[in-house]
N, C-alpha and C. Protein backbone atom coordinates (compact mmCIF):
# COMPACT_ATOMS: atom_id res chain seq x y z
N MET A 1 -2.23 7.61 -20.98
CA MET A 1 -1.14 6.67 -20.71
C MET A 1 -0.16 7.24 -19.68
N THR A 2 0.03 8.55 -19.73
CA THR A 2 0.91 9.20 -18.75
C THR A 2 0.31 9.09 -17.35
N GLN A 3 -1.00 9.32 -17.28
CA GLN A 3 -1.69 9.20 -15.99
C GLN A 3 -1.60 7.77 -15.46
N PHE A 4 -1.81 6.81 -16.34
CA PHE A 4 -1.74 5.40 -15.93
C PHE A 4 -0.34 5.05 -15.46
N PHE A 5 0.69 5.53 -16.17
CA PHE A 5 2.07 5.22 -15.80
C PHE A 5 2.38 5.66 -14.37
N PHE A 6 2.03 6.92 -14.05
CA PHE A 6 2.34 7.42 -12.70
C PHE A 6 1.48 6.74 -11.63
N ALA A 7 0.21 6.49 -11.95
CA ALA A 7 -0.67 5.82 -10.99
C ALA A 7 -0.16 4.42 -10.68
N CYS A 8 0.23 3.68 -11.71
CA CYS A 8 0.75 2.32 -11.53
C CYS A 8 2.06 2.35 -10.75
N THR A 9 2.92 3.32 -11.06
CA THR A 9 4.20 3.45 -10.35
C THR A 9 3.99 3.65 -8.86
N PHE A 10 3.09 4.57 -8.51
CA PHE A 10 2.88 4.90 -7.09
C PHE A 10 2.21 3.75 -6.34
N VAL A 11 1.37 2.97 -7.02
CA VAL A 11 0.75 1.81 -6.37
C VAL A 11 1.82 0.78 -5.99
N ILE A 12 2.72 0.48 -6.92
CA ILE A 12 3.78 -0.49 -6.64
C ILE A 12 4.75 0.05 -5.60
N VAL A 13 5.04 1.35 -5.66
CA VAL A 13 5.93 1.97 -4.66
C VAL A 13 5.32 1.86 -3.27
N GLU A 14 4.03 2.17 -3.14
CA GLU A 14 3.38 2.06 -1.83
C GLU A 14 3.39 0.62 -1.32
N MET A 15 3.23 -0.31 -2.24
CA MET A 15 3.24 -1.72 -1.89
C MET A 15 4.54 -2.11 -1.19
N PHE A 16 5.67 -1.66 -1.75
CA PHE A 16 6.97 -2.03 -1.18
C PHE A 16 7.39 -1.11 -0.04
N ILE A 17 6.86 0.11 0.00
CA ILE A 17 7.12 0.98 1.16
C ILE A 17 6.48 0.37 2.41
N LEU A 18 5.27 -0.18 2.26
CA LEU A 18 4.61 -0.86 3.38
C LEU A 18 5.43 -2.07 3.84
N ALA A 19 6.03 -2.78 2.87
CA ALA A 19 6.89 -3.91 3.22
C ALA A 19 8.14 -3.45 3.94
N ALA A 20 8.73 -2.33 3.48
CA ALA A 20 9.92 -1.79 4.14
C ALA A 20 9.60 -1.32 5.56
N MET A 21 8.40 -0.77 5.76
CA MET A 21 7.97 -0.36 7.10
C MET A 21 7.82 -1.56 8.02
N ALA A 22 7.33 -2.68 7.48
CA ALA A 22 7.21 -3.90 8.28
C ALA A 22 8.59 -4.40 8.69
N TYR A 23 9.54 -4.36 7.76
CA TYR A 23 10.91 -4.77 8.08
C TYR A 23 11.52 -3.84 9.13
N ASP A 24 11.24 -2.55 9.01
CA ASP A 24 11.73 -1.57 9.98
C ASP A 24 11.20 -1.88 11.38
N ARG A 25 9.93 -2.23 11.48
CA ARG A 25 9.34 -2.57 12.78
C ARG A 25 9.94 -3.85 13.35
N SER A 26 10.21 -4.83 12.49
CA SER A 26 10.79 -6.07 12.97
C SER A 26 12.20 -5.86 13.52
N VAL A 27 12.98 -5.00 12.87
CA VAL A 27 14.32 -4.69 13.37
C VAL A 27 14.23 -3.95 14.70
N ALA A 28 13.28 -3.01 14.80
CA ALA A 28 13.13 -2.24 16.04
C ALA A 28 12.71 -3.11 17.21
N VAL A 29 11.90 -4.13 16.95
CA VAL A 29 11.42 -5.00 18.03
C VAL A 29 12.43 -6.10 18.35
N CYS A 30 13.01 -6.71 17.32
CA CYS A 30 13.90 -7.86 17.52
C CYS A 30 15.31 -7.44 17.94
N ASN A 31 15.80 -6.33 17.41
CA ASN A 31 17.16 -5.87 17.74
C ASN A 31 17.15 -4.38 18.07
N PRO A 32 16.51 -3.99 19.16
CA PRO A 32 16.39 -2.56 19.47
C PRO A 32 17.73 -1.87 19.70
N LEU A 33 18.71 -2.59 20.25
CA LEU A 33 20.01 -1.97 20.53
C LEU A 33 20.82 -1.73 19.25
N LEU A 34 20.54 -2.54 18.21
CA LEU A 34 21.26 -2.40 16.95
C LEU A 34 20.44 -1.67 15.88
N TYR A 35 19.30 -1.11 16.29
CA TYR A 35 18.39 -0.50 15.32
C TYR A 35 19.05 0.64 14.56
N THR A 36 19.74 1.53 15.27
CA THR A 36 20.35 2.70 14.62
C THR A 36 21.38 2.29 13.59
N ALA A 37 22.14 1.24 13.90
CA ALA A 37 23.16 0.77 12.95
C ALA A 37 22.53 -0.01 11.80
N ALA A 38 21.51 -0.83 12.12
CA ALA A 38 20.89 -1.67 11.09
C ALA A 38 20.04 -0.86 10.12
N MET A 39 19.27 0.10 10.64
CA MET A 39 18.39 0.92 9.79
C MET A 39 18.98 2.33 9.68
N SER A 40 20.10 2.44 9.02
CA SER A 40 20.76 3.72 8.84
C SER A 40 20.05 4.55 7.76
N PRO A 41 20.24 5.87 7.76
CA PRO A 41 19.66 6.71 6.71
C PRO A 41 20.06 6.26 5.30
N LYS A 42 21.29 5.75 5.16
CA LYS A 42 21.76 5.27 3.86
C LYS A 42 20.94 4.08 3.40
N LEU A 43 20.65 3.15 4.32
CA LEU A 43 19.84 1.98 3.96
C LEU A 43 18.43 2.40 3.57
N TRP A 44 17.85 3.33 4.33
CA TRP A 44 16.50 3.79 4.00
C TRP A 44 16.47 4.48 2.64
N ALA A 45 17.53 5.25 2.33
CA ALA A 45 17.61 5.90 1.02
C ALA A 45 17.69 4.87 -0.10
N LEU A 46 18.45 3.79 0.14
CA LEU A 46 18.55 2.72 -0.85
C LEU A 46 17.21 1.99 -1.02
N LEU A 47 16.51 1.75 0.09
CA LEU A 47 15.21 1.09 0.02
C LEU A 47 14.19 1.91 -0.76
N VAL A 48 14.15 3.22 -0.46
CA VAL A 48 13.21 4.10 -1.16
C VAL A 48 13.56 4.20 -2.65
N ALA A 49 14.86 4.38 -2.94
CA ALA A 49 15.29 4.47 -4.34
C ALA A 49 14.99 3.18 -5.08
N GLY A 50 15.21 2.03 -4.39
CA GLY A 50 14.93 0.74 -5.01
C GLY A 50 13.45 0.54 -5.32
N THR A 51 12.58 0.97 -4.39
CA THR A 51 11.14 0.82 -4.63
C THR A 51 10.67 1.69 -5.80
N TYR A 52 11.22 2.90 -5.91
CA TYR A 52 10.83 3.78 -7.03
C TYR A 52 11.36 3.26 -8.36
N ARG A 53 12.56 2.71 -8.36
CA ARG A 53 13.11 2.15 -9.60
C ARG A 53 12.31 0.93 -10.04
N TRP A 54 11.99 0.05 -9.10
CA TRP A 54 11.20 -1.13 -9.44
C TRP A 54 9.79 -0.74 -9.87
N GLY A 55 9.18 0.21 -9.16
CA GLY A 55 7.85 0.67 -9.54
C GLY A 55 7.84 1.30 -10.92
N GLY A 56 8.84 2.11 -11.22
CA GLY A 56 8.93 2.73 -12.55
C GLY A 56 9.15 1.71 -13.65
N LEU A 57 10.00 0.71 -13.40
CA LEU A 57 10.28 -0.32 -14.40
C LEU A 57 9.03 -1.16 -14.69
N CYS A 58 8.34 -1.59 -13.63
CA CYS A 58 7.11 -2.38 -13.80
C CYS A 58 6.04 -1.58 -14.53
N SER A 59 5.87 -0.33 -14.11
CA SER A 59 4.86 0.51 -14.73
C SER A 59 5.17 0.78 -16.20
N LEU A 60 6.44 0.99 -16.51
CA LEU A 60 6.84 1.23 -17.90
C LEU A 60 6.56 0.01 -18.76
N THR A 61 6.82 -1.18 -18.22
CA THR A 61 6.57 -2.42 -18.96
C THR A 61 5.08 -2.59 -19.28
N VAL A 62 4.23 -2.37 -18.27
CA VAL A 62 2.79 -2.52 -18.48
C VAL A 62 2.27 -1.44 -19.42
N THR A 63 2.76 -0.21 -19.28
CA THR A 63 2.32 0.89 -20.15
C THR A 63 2.71 0.61 -21.60
N CYS A 64 3.92 0.10 -21.82
CA CYS A 64 4.35 -0.24 -23.19
C CYS A 64 3.47 -1.33 -23.79
N SER A 65 3.05 -2.29 -22.96
CA SER A 65 2.17 -3.34 -23.46
C SER A 65 0.81 -2.78 -23.87
N LEU A 66 0.35 -1.73 -23.17
CA LEU A 66 -0.91 -1.06 -23.55
C LEU A 66 -0.74 -0.24 -24.81
N LEU A 67 0.44 0.38 -24.98
CA LEU A 67 0.69 1.20 -26.17
C LEU A 67 0.76 0.37 -27.44
N GLU A 68 1.07 -0.93 -27.29
CA GLU A 68 1.13 -1.82 -28.45
C GLU A 68 -0.24 -2.20 -28.98
N LEU A 69 -1.29 -1.94 -28.19
CA LEU A 69 -2.65 -2.30 -28.59
C LEU A 69 -3.23 -1.27 -29.55
N SER A 70 -4.27 -1.69 -30.27
CA SER A 70 -4.99 -0.78 -31.17
C SER A 70 -6.27 -0.32 -30.49
N TYR A 71 -6.58 0.96 -30.66
CA TYR A 71 -7.79 1.53 -30.05
C TYR A 71 -8.65 2.12 -31.16
N CYS A 72 -9.91 1.69 -31.21
CA CYS A 72 -10.78 2.14 -32.29
C CYS A 72 -12.16 2.49 -31.73
N GLY A 73 -12.97 3.13 -32.55
CA GLY A 73 -14.31 3.52 -32.11
C GLY A 73 -14.24 4.68 -31.12
N HIS A 74 -15.22 4.77 -30.23
CA HIS A 74 -15.23 5.85 -29.25
C HIS A 74 -14.24 5.51 -28.14
N ASN A 75 -13.31 6.40 -27.89
CA ASN A 75 -12.30 6.17 -26.87
C ASN A 75 -12.71 6.79 -25.54
N VAL A 76 -13.94 6.49 -25.13
CA VAL A 76 -14.45 6.96 -23.84
C VAL A 76 -14.20 5.87 -22.81
N ILE A 77 -13.40 6.21 -21.80
CA ILE A 77 -13.07 5.23 -20.76
C ILE A 77 -14.17 5.20 -19.72
N ASN A 78 -14.70 4.03 -19.46
CA ASN A 78 -15.79 3.85 -18.50
C ASN A 78 -15.22 3.78 -17.08
N HIS A 79 -14.65 4.89 -16.64
CA HIS A 79 -14.02 4.94 -15.32
C HIS A 79 -13.76 6.40 -14.98
N TYR A 80 -13.47 6.68 -13.70
CA TYR A 80 -13.17 8.07 -13.32
C TYR A 80 -11.70 8.40 -13.57
N GLY A 81 -10.87 7.40 -13.88
CA GLY A 81 -9.46 7.61 -14.17
C GLY A 81 -8.96 6.56 -15.13
N CYS A 82 -7.69 6.68 -15.52
CA CYS A 82 -7.11 5.73 -16.48
C CYS A 82 -6.64 4.47 -15.76
N GLU A 83 -7.57 3.70 -15.25
CA GLU A 83 -7.26 2.44 -14.59
C GLU A 83 -7.03 1.36 -15.65
N TYR A 84 -6.21 0.37 -15.33
CA TYR A 84 -5.76 -0.60 -16.32
C TYR A 84 -6.90 -1.28 -17.07
N SER A 85 -7.84 -1.88 -16.34
CA SER A 85 -8.92 -2.61 -16.99
C SER A 85 -9.81 -1.69 -17.82
N ALA A 86 -9.94 -0.42 -17.39
CA ALA A 86 -10.76 0.53 -18.14
C ALA A 86 -10.10 0.89 -19.47
N VAL A 87 -8.79 1.07 -19.46
CA VAL A 87 -8.06 1.34 -20.71
C VAL A 87 -8.12 0.13 -21.62
N LEU A 88 -7.98 -1.05 -21.04
CA LEU A 88 -8.00 -2.29 -21.81
C LEU A 88 -9.36 -2.51 -22.49
N SER A 89 -10.42 -2.05 -21.87
CA SER A 89 -11.77 -2.30 -22.39
C SER A 89 -12.06 -1.55 -23.68
N VAL A 90 -11.31 -0.48 -23.97
CA VAL A 90 -11.57 0.29 -25.20
C VAL A 90 -10.66 -0.15 -26.35
N SER A 91 -9.90 -1.20 -26.13
CA SER A 91 -9.03 -1.72 -27.20
C SER A 91 -9.81 -2.68 -28.09
N CYS A 92 -9.49 -2.64 -29.39
CA CYS A 92 -10.18 -3.55 -30.33
C CYS A 92 -9.23 -4.62 -30.85
N SER A 93 -8.07 -4.79 -30.21
CA SER A 93 -7.13 -5.83 -30.62
C SER A 93 -7.02 -6.89 -29.52
N ASP A 94 -6.23 -7.91 -29.77
CA ASP A 94 -6.06 -9.00 -28.81
C ASP A 94 -5.28 -8.49 -27.59
N THR A 95 -5.90 -8.59 -26.42
CA THR A 95 -5.29 -8.05 -25.20
C THR A 95 -4.65 -9.13 -24.33
N HIS A 96 -4.54 -10.33 -24.84
CA HIS A 96 -4.05 -11.46 -24.02
C HIS A 96 -2.64 -11.19 -23.50
N PHE A 97 -1.74 -10.73 -24.38
CA PHE A 97 -0.35 -10.51 -23.97
C PHE A 97 -0.26 -9.43 -22.90
N SER A 98 -0.98 -8.34 -23.10
CA SER A 98 -0.96 -7.25 -22.12
C SER A 98 -1.52 -7.71 -20.77
N GLN A 99 -2.58 -8.51 -20.80
CA GLN A 99 -3.15 -9.03 -19.56
C GLN A 99 -2.18 -9.94 -18.83
N MET A 100 -1.46 -10.77 -19.58
CA MET A 100 -0.49 -11.67 -18.98
C MET A 100 0.67 -10.89 -18.36
N VAL A 101 1.13 -9.83 -19.05
CA VAL A 101 2.21 -8.99 -18.52
C VAL A 101 1.79 -8.35 -17.20
N ALA A 102 0.60 -7.76 -17.19
CA ALA A 102 0.09 -7.11 -15.97
C ALA A 102 -0.12 -8.12 -14.86
N PHE A 103 -0.64 -9.29 -15.21
CA PHE A 103 -0.90 -10.33 -14.20
C PHE A 103 0.40 -10.82 -13.56
N VAL A 104 1.42 -11.08 -14.39
CA VAL A 104 2.70 -11.59 -13.87
C VAL A 104 3.38 -10.55 -12.98
N ILE A 105 3.43 -9.30 -13.46
CA ILE A 105 4.10 -8.24 -12.70
C ILE A 105 3.38 -7.96 -11.38
N SER A 106 2.05 -7.82 -11.44
CA SER A 106 1.30 -7.50 -10.23
C SER A 106 1.34 -8.65 -9.22
N THR A 107 1.25 -9.90 -9.71
CA THR A 107 1.29 -11.05 -8.81
C THR A 107 2.66 -11.19 -8.17
N PHE A 108 3.72 -11.03 -8.98
CA PHE A 108 5.09 -11.14 -8.45
C PHE A 108 5.35 -10.07 -7.40
N SER A 109 4.96 -8.82 -7.69
CA SER A 109 5.17 -7.73 -6.74
C SER A 109 4.36 -7.94 -5.47
N GLU A 110 3.13 -8.38 -5.64
CA GLU A 110 2.24 -8.61 -4.50
C GLU A 110 2.78 -9.72 -3.59
N VAL A 111 3.18 -10.82 -4.20
CA VAL A 111 3.69 -11.95 -3.42
C VAL A 111 4.97 -11.57 -2.68
N CYS A 112 5.89 -10.89 -3.37
CA CYS A 112 7.16 -10.49 -2.74
C CYS A 112 6.92 -9.57 -1.55
N SER A 113 6.08 -8.55 -1.74
CA SER A 113 5.82 -7.60 -0.65
C SER A 113 5.11 -8.27 0.52
N LEU A 114 4.16 -9.15 0.23
CA LEU A 114 3.44 -9.84 1.30
C LEU A 114 4.34 -10.82 2.05
N LEU A 115 5.27 -11.46 1.35
CA LEU A 115 6.21 -12.37 2.02
C LEU A 115 7.12 -11.61 2.97
N ILE A 116 7.56 -10.42 2.55
CA ILE A 116 8.40 -9.58 3.43
C ILE A 116 7.61 -9.17 4.67
N ILE A 117 6.36 -8.75 4.45
CA ILE A 117 5.51 -8.34 5.57
C ILE A 117 5.23 -9.50 6.51
N LEU A 118 4.87 -10.65 5.93
CA LEU A 118 4.57 -11.84 6.74
C LEU A 118 5.78 -12.28 7.56
N ALA A 119 6.95 -12.34 6.91
CA ALA A 119 8.16 -12.75 7.61
C ALA A 119 8.51 -11.77 8.73
N SER A 120 8.35 -10.48 8.47
CA SER A 120 8.66 -9.46 9.48
C SER A 120 7.77 -9.62 10.70
N TYR A 121 6.47 -9.81 10.48
CA TYR A 121 5.56 -9.92 11.61
C TYR A 121 5.66 -11.27 12.32
N VAL A 122 6.10 -12.30 11.63
CA VAL A 122 6.37 -13.58 12.31
C VAL A 122 7.51 -13.38 13.30
N PHE A 123 8.58 -12.70 12.87
CA PHE A 123 9.70 -12.41 13.78
C PHE A 123 9.26 -11.55 14.95
N ILE A 124 8.38 -10.57 14.67
CA ILE A 124 7.89 -9.70 15.74
C ILE A 124 7.10 -10.50 16.77
N VAL A 125 6.18 -11.34 16.30
CA VAL A 125 5.34 -12.14 17.21
C VAL A 125 6.20 -13.10 18.03
N VAL A 126 7.14 -13.78 17.38
CA VAL A 126 8.00 -14.73 18.08
C VAL A 126 8.84 -14.02 19.14
N THR A 127 9.38 -12.85 18.78
CA THR A 127 10.21 -12.09 19.74
C THR A 127 9.39 -11.61 20.92
N ILE A 128 8.20 -11.09 20.66
CA ILE A 128 7.36 -10.55 21.74
C ILE A 128 6.86 -11.65 22.67
N THR A 129 6.48 -12.79 22.10
CA THR A 129 5.97 -13.88 22.94
C THR A 129 7.07 -14.50 23.81
N ASN A 130 8.31 -14.38 23.38
CA ASN A 130 9.42 -14.94 24.16
C ASN A 130 9.95 -13.97 25.22
N LYS A 131 9.47 -12.73 25.19
CA LYS A 131 9.90 -11.74 26.17
C LYS A 131 8.92 -11.70 27.34
N PRO A 132 9.40 -11.34 28.54
CA PRO A 132 8.47 -11.18 29.68
C PRO A 132 7.52 -10.02 29.43
N SER A 133 6.28 -10.16 29.88
CA SER A 133 5.25 -9.16 29.60
C SER A 133 5.18 -8.06 30.64
N THR A 134 6.27 -7.80 31.33
CA THR A 134 6.28 -6.76 32.36
C THR A 134 6.22 -5.38 31.72
N GLY A 135 5.47 -4.48 32.37
CA GLY A 135 5.39 -3.10 31.90
C GLY A 135 4.54 -2.92 30.66
N GLY A 136 3.77 -3.94 30.31
CA GLY A 136 2.88 -3.81 29.14
C GLY A 136 3.62 -3.71 27.83
N ILE A 137 4.80 -4.38 27.71
CA ILE A 137 5.60 -4.31 26.49
C ILE A 137 4.85 -4.92 25.31
N ARG A 138 4.22 -6.06 25.56
CA ARG A 138 3.49 -6.73 24.47
C ARG A 138 2.36 -5.85 23.95
N LYS A 139 1.58 -5.31 24.87
CA LYS A 139 0.45 -4.48 24.49
C LYS A 139 0.89 -3.25 23.71
N LYS A 140 1.97 -2.63 24.16
CA LYS A 140 2.48 -1.43 23.50
C LYS A 140 2.98 -1.75 22.08
N THR A 141 3.68 -2.88 21.95
CA THR A 141 4.22 -3.27 20.65
C THR A 141 3.12 -3.58 19.66
N PHE A 142 2.15 -4.40 20.09
CA PHE A 142 1.06 -4.75 19.19
C PHE A 142 0.19 -3.53 18.86
N SER A 143 0.05 -2.61 19.81
CA SER A 143 -0.69 -1.38 19.55
C SER A 143 0.00 -0.54 18.50
N THR A 144 1.34 -0.50 18.54
CA THR A 144 2.11 0.26 17.55
C THR A 144 1.97 -0.35 16.16
N CYS A 145 1.90 -1.68 16.10
CA CYS A 145 1.82 -2.37 14.80
C CYS A 145 0.41 -2.38 14.22
N THR A 146 -0.59 -2.10 15.03
CA THR A 146 -1.98 -2.18 14.57
C THR A 146 -2.26 -1.22 13.42
N SER A 147 -1.76 0.02 13.53
CA SER A 147 -2.00 1.01 12.49
C SER A 147 -1.42 0.57 11.16
N HIS A 148 -0.21 0.01 11.21
CA HIS A 148 0.44 -0.46 9.98
C HIS A 148 -0.31 -1.64 9.39
N LEU A 149 -0.76 -2.56 10.23
CA LEU A 149 -1.51 -3.72 9.76
C LEU A 149 -2.85 -3.32 9.17
N THR A 150 -3.47 -2.28 9.73
CA THR A 150 -4.74 -1.77 9.18
C THR A 150 -4.55 -1.26 7.77
N ALA A 151 -3.50 -0.45 7.56
CA ALA A 151 -3.21 0.08 6.23
C ALA A 151 -2.89 -1.04 5.25
N ILE A 152 -2.13 -2.04 5.70
CA ILE A 152 -1.77 -3.17 4.84
C ILE A 152 -3.01 -3.95 4.43
N THR A 153 -3.90 -4.21 5.38
CA THR A 153 -5.10 -5.01 5.10
C THR A 153 -5.98 -4.33 4.06
N ILE A 154 -6.22 -3.04 4.23
CA ILE A 154 -7.10 -2.32 3.29
C ILE A 154 -6.45 -2.23 1.91
N PHE A 155 -5.17 -1.84 1.88
CA PHE A 155 -4.48 -1.63 0.60
C PHE A 155 -4.32 -2.94 -0.17
N HIS A 156 -3.74 -3.95 0.48
CA HIS A 156 -3.49 -5.21 -0.22
C HIS A 156 -4.78 -5.97 -0.52
N GLY A 157 -5.80 -5.79 0.30
CA GLY A 157 -7.08 -6.41 0.00
C GLY A 157 -7.64 -5.93 -1.33
N ASP A 158 -7.58 -4.61 -1.56
CA ASP A 158 -8.05 -4.04 -2.83
C ASP A 158 -7.18 -4.48 -4.00
N ILE A 159 -5.87 -4.45 -3.81
CA ILE A 159 -4.96 -4.80 -4.90
C ILE A 159 -5.13 -6.27 -5.31
N LEU A 160 -5.27 -7.14 -4.33
CA LEU A 160 -5.47 -8.56 -4.64
C LEU A 160 -6.73 -8.78 -5.46
N LEU A 161 -7.80 -8.10 -5.09
CA LEU A 161 -9.07 -8.26 -5.80
C LEU A 161 -9.00 -7.68 -7.21
N LEU A 162 -8.24 -6.59 -7.38
CA LEU A 162 -8.21 -5.90 -8.67
C LEU A 162 -7.24 -6.52 -9.67
N TYR A 163 -6.01 -6.82 -9.24
CA TYR A 163 -4.96 -7.14 -10.17
C TYR A 163 -4.49 -8.59 -10.17
N CYS A 164 -4.85 -9.35 -9.17
CA CYS A 164 -4.45 -10.75 -9.14
C CYS A 164 -5.59 -11.69 -9.49
N VAL A 165 -6.69 -11.11 -9.95
CA VAL A 165 -7.84 -11.89 -10.42
C VAL A 165 -8.14 -11.44 -11.84
N PRO A 166 -8.27 -12.36 -12.80
CA PRO A 166 -8.56 -11.97 -14.18
C PRO A 166 -9.78 -11.08 -14.28
N ASN A 167 -9.68 -10.04 -15.09
CA ASN A 167 -10.76 -9.06 -15.19
C ASN A 167 -11.92 -9.59 -16.03
N SER A 168 -13.14 -9.22 -15.65
CA SER A 168 -14.34 -9.57 -16.42
C SER A 168 -15.19 -8.33 -16.61
N LYS A 169 -15.94 -8.30 -17.71
CA LYS A 169 -16.74 -7.12 -18.02
C LYS A 169 -17.87 -6.91 -17.01
N SER A 170 -18.29 -7.97 -16.37
CA SER A 170 -19.39 -7.87 -15.41
C SER A 170 -18.97 -7.23 -14.09
N SER A 171 -17.68 -7.03 -13.91
CA SER A 171 -17.20 -6.51 -12.63
C SER A 171 -16.72 -5.06 -12.72
N ARG A 172 -17.19 -4.30 -13.70
CA ARG A 172 -16.70 -2.93 -13.90
C ARG A 172 -17.06 -2.02 -12.74
N LEU A 173 -18.29 -2.15 -12.22
CA LEU A 173 -18.70 -1.31 -11.09
C LEU A 173 -17.85 -1.62 -9.86
N PHE A 174 -17.61 -2.90 -9.63
CA PHE A 174 -16.77 -3.30 -8.50
C PHE A 174 -15.36 -2.74 -8.65
N VAL A 175 -14.81 -2.78 -9.87
CA VAL A 175 -13.47 -2.25 -10.13
C VAL A 175 -13.42 -0.76 -9.83
N LYS A 176 -14.46 -0.03 -10.21
CA LYS A 176 -14.51 1.41 -9.93
C LYS A 176 -14.48 1.68 -8.43
N VAL A 177 -15.33 0.97 -7.69
CA VAL A 177 -15.41 1.17 -6.24
C VAL A 177 -14.09 0.82 -5.56
N ALA A 178 -13.51 -0.32 -5.95
CA ALA A 178 -12.24 -0.75 -5.35
C ALA A 178 -11.12 0.23 -5.67
N THR A 179 -11.11 0.77 -6.89
CA THR A 179 -10.09 1.74 -7.27
C THR A 179 -10.22 3.02 -6.46
N VAL A 180 -11.45 3.44 -6.21
CA VAL A 180 -11.67 4.61 -5.36
C VAL A 180 -11.07 4.39 -3.98
N PHE A 181 -11.21 3.16 -3.46
CA PHE A 181 -10.70 2.85 -2.12
C PHE A 181 -9.19 2.99 -2.06
N TYR A 182 -8.46 2.33 -3.00
CA TYR A 182 -7.00 2.34 -2.87
C TYR A 182 -6.35 3.62 -3.38
N SER A 183 -7.07 4.39 -4.22
CA SER A 183 -6.46 5.61 -4.76
C SER A 183 -6.89 6.87 -4.03
N ILE A 184 -8.05 6.87 -3.37
CA ILE A 184 -8.55 8.08 -2.70
C ILE A 184 -8.80 7.84 -1.21
N VAL A 185 -9.57 6.80 -0.88
CA VAL A 185 -9.98 6.58 0.51
C VAL A 185 -8.78 6.25 1.40
N ILE A 186 -7.93 5.30 0.96
CA ILE A 186 -6.79 4.89 1.77
C ILE A 186 -5.81 6.03 2.02
N PRO A 187 -5.42 6.83 1.00
CA PRO A 187 -4.55 7.98 1.30
C PRO A 187 -5.17 8.97 2.27
N MET A 188 -6.51 9.10 2.25
CA MET A 188 -7.18 9.99 3.19
C MET A 188 -7.17 9.40 4.60
N LEU A 189 -7.26 8.08 4.70
CA LEU A 189 -7.30 7.42 6.00
C LEU A 189 -5.92 7.27 6.64
N ASN A 190 -4.86 7.21 5.81
CA ASN A 190 -3.51 6.96 6.34
C ASN A 190 -3.09 7.94 7.44
N PRO A 191 -3.27 9.26 7.26
CA PRO A 191 -2.89 10.17 8.36
C PRO A 191 -3.69 9.89 9.64
N LEU A 192 -4.97 9.56 9.48
CA LEU A 192 -5.81 9.26 10.64
C LEU A 192 -5.37 7.96 11.31
N ILE A 193 -5.10 6.92 10.50
CA ILE A 193 -4.71 5.62 11.03
C ILE A 193 -3.41 5.72 11.82
N TYR A 194 -2.42 6.42 11.25
CA TYR A 194 -1.11 6.48 11.89
C TYR A 194 -1.04 7.49 13.03
N SER A 195 -1.64 8.67 12.82
CA SER A 195 -1.49 9.73 13.82
C SER A 195 -2.22 9.44 15.12
N LEU A 196 -3.37 8.77 15.07
CA LEU A 196 -4.13 8.50 16.29
C LEU A 196 -3.44 7.47 17.19
N ARG A 197 -2.40 6.81 16.68
CA ARG A 197 -1.61 5.91 17.51
C ARG A 197 -0.46 6.64 18.21
N ASN A 198 -0.29 7.91 17.84
CA ASN A 198 0.80 8.70 18.43
C ASN A 198 0.32 9.33 19.73
N LYS A 199 1.09 9.18 20.79
CA LYS A 199 0.69 9.67 22.12
C LYS A 199 0.52 11.17 22.13
N ASP A 200 1.45 11.90 21.48
CA ASP A 200 1.38 13.36 21.45
C ASP A 200 0.13 13.85 20.71
N VAL A 201 -0.21 13.15 19.61
CA VAL A 201 -1.40 13.53 18.85
C VAL A 201 -2.65 13.27 19.67
N LYS A 202 -2.70 12.14 20.38
CA LYS A 202 -3.84 11.83 21.24
C LYS A 202 -4.04 12.92 22.29
N GLU A 203 -2.93 13.30 22.92
CA GLU A 203 -3.01 14.33 23.97
C GLU A 203 -3.46 15.67 23.39
N ALA A 204 -2.98 16.01 22.19
CA ALA A 204 -3.36 17.27 21.55
C ALA A 204 -4.85 17.27 21.19
N VAL A 205 -5.34 16.13 20.68
CA VAL A 205 -6.77 16.02 20.33
C VAL A 205 -7.64 16.13 21.57
N MET A 206 -7.26 15.43 22.63
CA MET A 206 -8.02 15.48 23.87
C MET A 206 -8.02 16.89 24.47
N LYS A 207 -6.88 17.56 24.39
CA LYS A 207 -6.77 18.93 24.90
C LYS A 207 -7.66 19.88 24.11
N LEU A 208 -7.69 19.68 22.77
CA LEU A 208 -8.52 20.52 21.91
C LEU A 208 -10.00 20.31 22.22
N ILE A 209 -10.41 19.03 22.39
CA ILE A 209 -11.80 18.73 22.71
C ILE A 209 -12.18 19.33 24.06
N HIS A 210 -11.28 19.19 25.03
CA HIS A 210 -11.54 19.73 26.37
C HIS A 210 -11.69 21.25 26.33
N THR A 211 -10.82 21.91 25.55
CA THR A 211 -10.89 23.37 25.42
C THR A 211 -12.19 23.80 24.76
N ARG A 212 -12.60 23.09 23.72
CA ARG A 212 -13.85 23.43 23.03
C ARG A 212 -15.05 23.23 23.95
N LEU A 213 -15.04 22.16 24.71
CA LEU A 213 -16.15 21.89 25.63
C LEU A 213 -16.25 22.98 26.70
N LEU A 214 -15.11 23.42 27.20
CA LEU A 214 -15.09 24.48 28.20
C LEU A 214 -15.59 25.80 27.63
N SER A 215 -15.19 26.10 26.40
CA SER A 215 -15.63 27.35 25.77
C SER A 215 -17.13 27.37 25.51
N HIS A 216 -17.68 26.20 25.15
CA HIS A 216 -19.12 26.11 24.90
C HIS A 216 -19.89 26.19 26.22
N SER A 217 -19.35 25.61 27.29
CA SER A 217 -20.05 25.64 28.58
C SER A 217 -20.08 27.06 29.17
N GLU A 218 -19.09 27.86 28.83
CA GLU A 218 -19.07 29.25 29.32
C GLU A 218 -20.04 30.11 28.53
């Protein structure tokens, strides 16, 4: 239950951190001159603290609903970790209330975060299309946002499939694979997704490859 609590907390926190990053990009694109004042360190601290408080509250609610259940027989979880549906499957009591709690919380959090992301990118697209395309401003802006959109697509795609669709026993293998994606694969890909969009990182990688090629040719 402790493992589940922290895992659930971090999933919800990442969900809203991605939304906060989308809002940050919209402010940077739509109001670049006011960015420093609008996105102050104090505001970012409040956003991060708010996401952790909300994530902890949601996770505590779902964990308490699981603790109210009865567990009997062999308590072997058919999963590599304490994922919600896997814990629920070893319960021998009525799980309807716990499922409804998890469904409402996950759907509400998912919809709120996606609405923030959607609204932010609508403002970005409208602002960019209304600006002159001199100097490749549009291309540069969309290139900067691509990494963030990639992370959002992979993360929210898995979450939508896992937590906003009622669980069935026939989908246990799918749940395992999807959980591996959002808990292991995505965190491994995030540094690659974001860093390869950075000009300095690109130059460093190219320089390293060039140096290695020269050393091998000698």
